[in-house]
C-alpha atoms as a PDB file:
ATOM      1  CA  UNK A   1     111.925   0.343  88.851  1.00  0.00           C
ATOM      2  CA  UNK A   2     108.298   0.572  87.713  1.00  0.00           C
ATOM      3  CA  UNK A   3     106.755   0.169  91.084  1.00  0.00           C
ATOM      4  CA  UNK A   4     108.882   3.328  92.136  1.00  0.00           C
ATOM      5  CA  UNK A   5     107.394   5.354  89.364  1.00  0.00           C
ATOM      6  CA  UNK A   6     103.787   4.190  90.274  1.00  0.00           C
ATOM      7  CA  UNK A   7     104.287   5.101  93.876  1.00  0.00           C
ATOM      8  CA  UNK A   8     105.595   8.697  92.796  1.00  0.00           C
ATOM      9  CA  UNK A   9     102.613   8.991  90.504  1.00  0.00           C
ATOM     10  CA  UNK A  10     100.173   7.818  93.163  1.00  0.00           C
ATOM     11  CA  UNK A  11     101.789  10.170  95.927  1.00  0.00           C
ATOM     12  CA  UNK A  12     101.811  13.277  93.570  1.00  0.00           C
ATOM     13  CA  UNK A  13      97.988  12.441  92.720  1.00  0.00           C
ATOM     14  CA  UNK A  14      97.146  12.207  96.583  1.00  0.00           C
ATOM     15  CA  UNK A  15      99.074  15.426  97.212  1.00  0.00           C
ATOM     16  CA  UNK A  16      97.193  17.324  94.491  1.00  0.00           C
ATOM     17  CA  UNK A  17      93.921  16.107  95.391  1.00  0.00           C
ATOM     18  CA  UNK A  18      94.316  16.890  99.205  1.00  0.00           C
ATOM     19  CA  UNK A  19      95.478  20.440  98.156  1.00  0.00           C
ATOM     20  CA  UNK A  20      92.454  20.728  95.828  1.00  0.00           C
ATOM     21  CA  UNK A  21      89.837  19.560  98.361  1.00  0.00           C
ATOM     22  CA  UNK A  22      91.297  22.013 101.075  1.00  0.00           C
ATOM     23  CA  UNK A  23      91.217  24.966  98.467  1.00  0.00           C
ATOM     24  CA  UNK A  24      87.489  23.963  97.733  1.00  0.00           C
ATOM     25  CA  UNK A  25      86.301  23.804 101.190  1.00  0.00           C
ATOM     26  CA  UNK A  26      87.965  27.318 101.952  1.00  0.00           C
ATOM     27  CA  UNK A  27      86.481  28.838  98.822  1.00  0.00           C
ATOM     28  CA  UNK A  28      82.962  27.326  98.798  1.00  0.00           C
ATOM     29  CA  UNK A  29      82.308  25.973 102.348  1.00  0.00           C
ATOM     30  CA  UNK A  30      79.533  23.426 102.626  1.00  0.00           C
ATOM     31  CA  UNK A  31      76.522  24.490 104.421  1.00  0.00           C
ATOM     32  CA  UNK A  32      77.487  22.563 107.679  1.00  0.00           C
ATOM     33  CA  UNK A  33      80.481  24.759 108.122  1.00  0.00           C
ATOM     34  CA  UNK A  34      78.627  28.103 107.773  1.00  0.00           C
ATOM     35  CA  UNK A  35      78.216  30.250 110.780  1.00  0.00           C
ATOM     36  CA  UNK A  36      76.178  33.277 111.952  1.00  0.00           C
ATOM     37  CA  UNK A  37      77.848  36.617 112.976  1.00  0.00           C
ATOM     38  CA  UNK A  38      78.093  35.372 116.479  1.00  0.00           C
ATOM     39  CA  UNK A  39      79.822  32.185 115.404  1.00  0.00           C
ATOM     40  CA  UNK A  40      76.979  29.767 116.024  1.00  0.00           C
ATOM     41  CA  UNK A  41      76.783  27.043 113.307  1.00  0.00           C
ATOM     42  CA  UNK A  42      73.838  27.401 111.089  1.00  0.00           C
ATOM     43  CA  UNK A  43      72.777  23.836 111.321  1.00  0.00           C
ATOM     44  CA  UNK A  44      72.980  23.596 115.225  1.00  0.00           C
ATOM     45  CA  UNK A  45      69.943  22.181 116.965  1.00  0.00           C
ATOM     46  CA  UNK A  46      68.224  23.316 120.208  1.00  0.00           C
ATOM     47  CA  UNK A  47      70.127  22.472 123.407  1.00  0.00           C
ATOM     48  CA  UNK A  48      68.646  20.809 126.362  1.00  0.00           C
ATOM     49  CA  UNK A  49      68.575  22.804 129.582  1.00  0.00           C
ATOM     50  CA  UNK A  50      70.031  20.321 132.215  1.00  0.00           C
ATOM     51  CA  UNK A  51      67.429  21.148 135.013  1.00  0.00           C
ATOM     52  CA  UNK A  52      64.314  21.573 133.269  1.00  0.00           C
ATOM     53  CA  UNK A  53      64.835  19.599 129.998  1.00  0.00           C
ATOM     54  CA  UNK A  54      63.282  22.437 128.132  1.00  0.00           C
ATOM     55  CA  UNK A  55      64.839  23.001 124.462  1.00  0.00           C
ATOM     56  CA  UNK A  56      66.835  26.188 124.189  1.00  0.00           C
ATOM     57  CA  UNK A  57      67.827  28.027 121.228  1.00  0.00           C
ATOM     58  CA  UNK A  58      71.674  28.612 120.818  1.00  0.00           C
ATOM     59  CA  UNK A  59      71.322  32.003 119.641  1.00  0.00           C
ATOM     60  CA  UNK A  60      69.370  32.877 122.872  1.00  0.00           C
ATOM     61  CA  UNK A  61      72.222  31.438 124.862  1.00  0.00           C
ATOM     62  CA  UNK A  62      74.847  33.401 123.104  1.00  0.00           C
ATOM     63  CA  UNK A  63      72.755  36.710 123.742  1.00  0.00           C
ATOM     64  CA  UNK A  64      72.285  35.799 127.323  1.00  0.00           C
ATOM     65  CA  UNK A  65      76.129  35.300 127.796  1.00  0.00           C
ATOM     66  CA  UNK A  66      77.096  38.302 125.760  1.00  0.00           C
ATOM     67  CA  UNK A  67      74.833  40.487 127.904  1.00  0.00           C
ATOM     68  CA  UNK A  68      72.242  41.637 125.367  1.00  0.00           C
END
């Protein structure tokens, strides 16, 4: 009888904590989840060009494929 009560309390605590964390992440997203207006992550590093090995800025690639 006691173990059933303890499991219910534990399950309720896990559910409440999960919902609270999801709400927190959507209300105040961490810097790693923030994006620019072009949906490029802010903390994204440069991309290596496959042929030349040159480091390319992701924003430059977005502008190129968008046609700017």
